[in-house]
Each structure stands twice: as structure tokens, then as C-alpha cells.
């Protein structure tokens, strides 16, 4: 009986290994996605579709509504900042590359493009003085002049874009 008590932990481990049990601490990785849709205020979308009561002056909770009607919440990162602050981008049909985190609908944007008249366009901000690209509106990091939004077809060949 004494030997059985000493061997019982080993039997338990053996049974778990044979049963194919996996470790619960197995790391899940974000999934790369490519979405087509528009930037929306998720709170307003929920108000429209489900009659969620909102304060008249509410903070916007930005996300992406895909062509399939799925919603993803945007994480506010440096690469996504333009989607939060430039309302012109909310009017565009976008292709958004990014990562969705396990068991969530949280979207980390890594790149976004627009579709205009059926043609895919690159979107970025540009300083005409310094010839520097930026990922969000504001002032040029070099000369502090305002950068301009450039929407340029992907198939154009030019090293120095102009507005």
C-alpha cells in the first residue's frame, strides 16, 4: 500500500499524458487579419441597432465595421492614430491590415489603405518641405509645418509624391 501512495502521482501524470491533455498555459498568438470596412463609432452603432441609451455628448469608441457586418474595436496605437483624429478617413472605404488578439475583437492596426473608384490607394501624411512621410496628421517632425493627407494609387511609380 505504501508503494502505491508513492507511485500515484506518477500514474496521474501518465494518465494525463496518454489522454492528450494540453497545458492550459499554452500561449495563444494574435491572428493576422486583412479587413475591408469603415471606421465607425461603436457606441453609436449599438445605439442605432440595439437602442443603447447614450449621453448626448459621449466619447467616441472607434472601431471598424466590416463589409460582413462584424465589428472590431480599434486599439489606439501610433499606427492607428490617424483613424482616431482624422474624420476624413471615416468617410473612406478602407482595407485595414492588423492583428486581432485571442478571444477578443480588439484590432491592432499595422497598415491601412483606401479604395477609391475600385482602385486601392496608399494613405499617408506628407511634408512637402522635408519630403518626409508621417503616419498621422499634425506637424512635421523636422520643420514643424503641417503635413498633408496623401491618397495615392498603389500602382503609381514616383519617389517624391505631391499632393
Protein backbone atom coordinates (compact mmCIF):
# COMPACT_ATOMS: atom_id res chain seq x y z
CA UNK A 1 0.00 0.00 0.00
CA UNK A 2 2.84 2.32 0.82
CA UNK A 3 4.38 1.85 -2.67
CA UNK A 4 1.06 2.70 -4.30
CA UNK A 5 0.88 6.06 -2.47
CA UNK A 6 4.38 6.90 -3.64
CA UNK A 7 3.62 5.93 -7.25
CA UNK A 8 0.17 7.55 -7.51
CA UNK A 9 1.48 10.97 -8.69
CA UNK A 10 3.35 9.21 -11.49
CA UNK A 11 0.20 7.33 -12.53
CA UNK A 12 -1.73 10.60 -12.61
CA UNK A 13 0.88 12.23 -14.86
CA UNK A 14 0.93 9.16 -17.11
CA UNK A 15 -2.85 9.20 -17.45
CA UNK A 16 -2.82 12.92 -18.36
CA UNK A 17 -0.11 12.41 -20.95
CA UNK A 18 -1.89 9.45 -22.52
CA UNK A 19 -5.23 11.28 -22.59
CA UNK A 20 -3.75 14.06 -24.74
CA UNK A 21 -4.35 16.80 -22.20
CA UNK A 22 -2.62 20.04 -23.09
CA UNK A 23 -1.17 22.60 -20.80
CA UNK A 24 -3.56 25.42 -20.02
CA UNK A 25 -0.69 27.88 -20.09
CA UNK A 26 -0.11 27.31 -23.80
CA UNK A 27 0.49 30.71 -25.34
CA UNK A 28 -2.06 31.88 -27.88
CA UNK A 29 -0.88 34.29 -30.54
CA UNK A 30 -2.66 37.19 -32.21
CA UNK A 31 -4.14 36.40 -35.60
CA UNK A 32 -3.14 38.48 -38.61
CA UNK A 33 -6.16 39.89 -40.44
CA UNK A 34 -6.96 41.92 -43.53
CA UNK A 35 -10.35 43.63 -43.17
CA UNK A 36 -12.37 45.78 -45.54
CA UNK A 37 -14.73 48.26 -43.96
CA UNK A 38 -15.23 51.70 -42.49
CA UNK A 39 -14.35 53.43 -39.25
CA UNK A 40 -17.42 53.90 -37.05
CA UNK A 41 -18.26 54.94 -33.51
CA UNK A 42 -19.19 51.61 -31.93
CA UNK A 43 -21.39 53.27 -29.31
CA UNK A 44 -23.46 54.99 -32.00
CA UNK A 45 -23.71 51.75 -33.98
CA UNK A 46 -25.04 49.94 -30.90
CA UNK A 47 -27.49 52.81 -30.35
CA UNK A 48 -28.74 52.52 -33.94
CA UNK A 49 -29.07 48.74 -33.98
CA UNK A 50 -29.92 47.88 -30.37
CA UNK A 51 -31.30 51.14 -28.92
CA UNK A 52 -28.48 51.52 -26.39
CA UNK A 53 -29.08 54.73 -24.44
CA UNK A 54 -26.21 57.18 -24.94
CA UNK A 55 -25.46 60.55 -23.42
CA UNK A 56 -25.90 63.31 -25.97
CA UNK A 57 -22.26 64.27 -25.68
CA UNK A 58 -20.45 60.93 -25.46
CA UNK A 59 -16.86 59.97 -26.13
CA UNK A 60 -16.45 58.09 -29.37
CA UNK A 61 -15.40 54.48 -29.15
CA UNK A 62 -13.91 53.87 -32.58
CA UNK A 63 -13.92 50.58 -34.35
CA UNK A 64 -14.18 49.02 -37.78
CA UNK A 65 -17.40 47.75 -39.30
CA UNK A 66 -16.53 45.20 -41.97
CA UNK A 67 -18.41 44.51 -45.18
CA UNK A 68 -19.77 41.38 -43.46
CA UNK A 69 -21.19 43.49 -40.62
CA UNK A 70 -18.65 42.40 -37.98
CA UNK A 71 -17.33 44.97 -35.52
CA UNK A 72 -13.75 45.28 -34.25
CA UNK A 73 -12.62 47.72 -31.57
CA UNK A 74 -9.58 49.77 -32.60
CA UNK A 75 -6.63 49.89 -30.23
CA UNK A 76 -5.20 53.40 -30.13
CA UNK A 77 -1.61 52.95 -31.26
CA UNK A 78 0.76 55.26 -33.15
CA UNK A 79 -0.06 53.47 -36.43
CA UNK A 80 -3.82 53.81 -35.84
CA UNK A 81 -3.82 57.40 -34.51
CA UNK A 82 -4.94 58.85 -37.86
CA UNK A 83 -8.10 56.71 -37.72
CA UNK A 84 -8.98 58.37 -34.41
CA UNK A 85 -8.23 62.01 -35.22
CA UNK A 86 -8.79 62.48 -38.97
CA UNK A 87 -12.51 62.37 -39.67
CA UNK A 88 -11.86 62.34 -43.43
CA UNK A 89 -10.76 58.73 -43.02
CA UNK A 90 -14.16 57.82 -41.52
CA UNK A 91 -15.76 58.55 -44.90
CA UNK A 92 -13.48 56.19 -46.83
CA UNK A 93 -13.79 52.52 -47.72
CA UNK A 94 -10.66 51.07 -46.10
CA UNK A 95 -8.52 47.96 -46.20
CA UNK A 96 -7.01 47.50 -42.75
CA UNK A 97 -4.17 45.11 -42.01
CA UNK A 98 -3.52 44.23 -38.42
CA UNK A 99 -3.74 41.71 -35.63
CA UNK A 100 -6.72 40.51 -33.60
CA UNK A 101 -5.91 39.24 -30.14
CA UNK A 102 -7.10 35.81 -28.92
CA UNK A 103 -10.64 35.64 -27.54
CA UNK A 104 -11.27 39.32 -28.41
CA UNK A 105 -12.35 41.58 -31.24
CA UNK A 106 -9.54 44.04 -30.41
CA UNK A 107 -7.75 45.18 -33.57
CA UNK A 108 -4.18 46.45 -33.65
CA UNK A 109 -3.71 48.28 -36.97
CA UNK A 110 -0.43 47.79 -38.80
CA UNK A 111 -1.42 49.43 -42.13
CA UNK A 112 -4.46 50.91 -43.81
CA UNK A 113 -5.27 51.66 -47.42
CA UNK A 114 -8.30 53.17 -49.12
CA UNK A 115 -10.39 52.03 -52.05
CA UNK A 116 -11.40 54.84 -54.36
CA UNK A 117 -13.29 54.16 -57.60
CA UNK A 118 -12.35 50.49 -57.30
CA UNK A 119 -8.61 51.25 -57.08
CA UNK A 120 -6.52 50.59 -53.94
CA UNK A 121 -4.77 53.72 -52.69
CA UNK A 122 -1.98 54.23 -50.19
CA UNK A 123 -2.85 56.68 -47.41
CA UNK A 124 -0.22 58.65 -45.53
CA UNK A 125 0.65 62.14 -44.36
CA UNK A 126 3.43 64.05 -46.08
CA UNK A 127 5.59 67.12 -45.59
CA UNK A 128 6.26 68.83 -48.94
CA UNK A 129 9.13 70.82 -47.47
CA UNK A 130 11.15 67.96 -45.95
CA UNK A 131 9.88 65.10 -48.15
CA UNK A 132 9.02 63.11 -45.02
CA UNK A 133 6.11 60.69 -44.61
CA UNK A 134 4.16 60.52 -41.37
CA UNK A 135 1.52 58.07 -40.12
CA UNK A 136 -0.79 60.65 -38.52
CA UNK A 137 -1.84 64.25 -39.05
CA UNK A 138 -0.05 67.02 -37.25
CA UNK A 139 3.20 68.84 -37.76
CA UNK A 140 6.32 67.56 -39.49
CA UNK A 141 8.87 66.16 -37.07
CA UNK A 142 11.59 68.09 -38.88
CA UNK A 143 10.31 71.58 -39.81
CA UNK A 144 7.07 71.66 -37.77
CA UNK A 145 4.99 72.59 -40.85
CA UNK A 146 1.61 70.84 -41.11
CA UNK A 147 1.63 67.56 -43.01
CA UNK A 148 -0.99 66.87 -45.68
CA UNK A 149 -3.03 63.73 -46.31
CA UNK A 150 -1.95 61.91 -49.47
CA UNK A 151 -4.18 59.34 -51.14
CA UNK A 152 -2.22 57.80 -53.98
CA UNK A 153 -2.90 54.76 -56.16
CA UNK A 154 -0.60 51.90 -55.25
CA UNK A 155 0.47 51.27 -58.83
CA UNK A 156 1.99 54.75 -59.35
CA UNK A 157 5.77 54.95 -59.60
CA UNK A 158 7.21 58.06 -58.02
CA UNK A 159 9.79 58.57 -55.33
CA UNK A 160 8.58 62.04 -54.30
CA UNK A 161 4.78 62.21 -54.06
CA UNK A 162 2.99 65.52 -54.35
CA UNK A 163 -0.49 66.41 -53.12
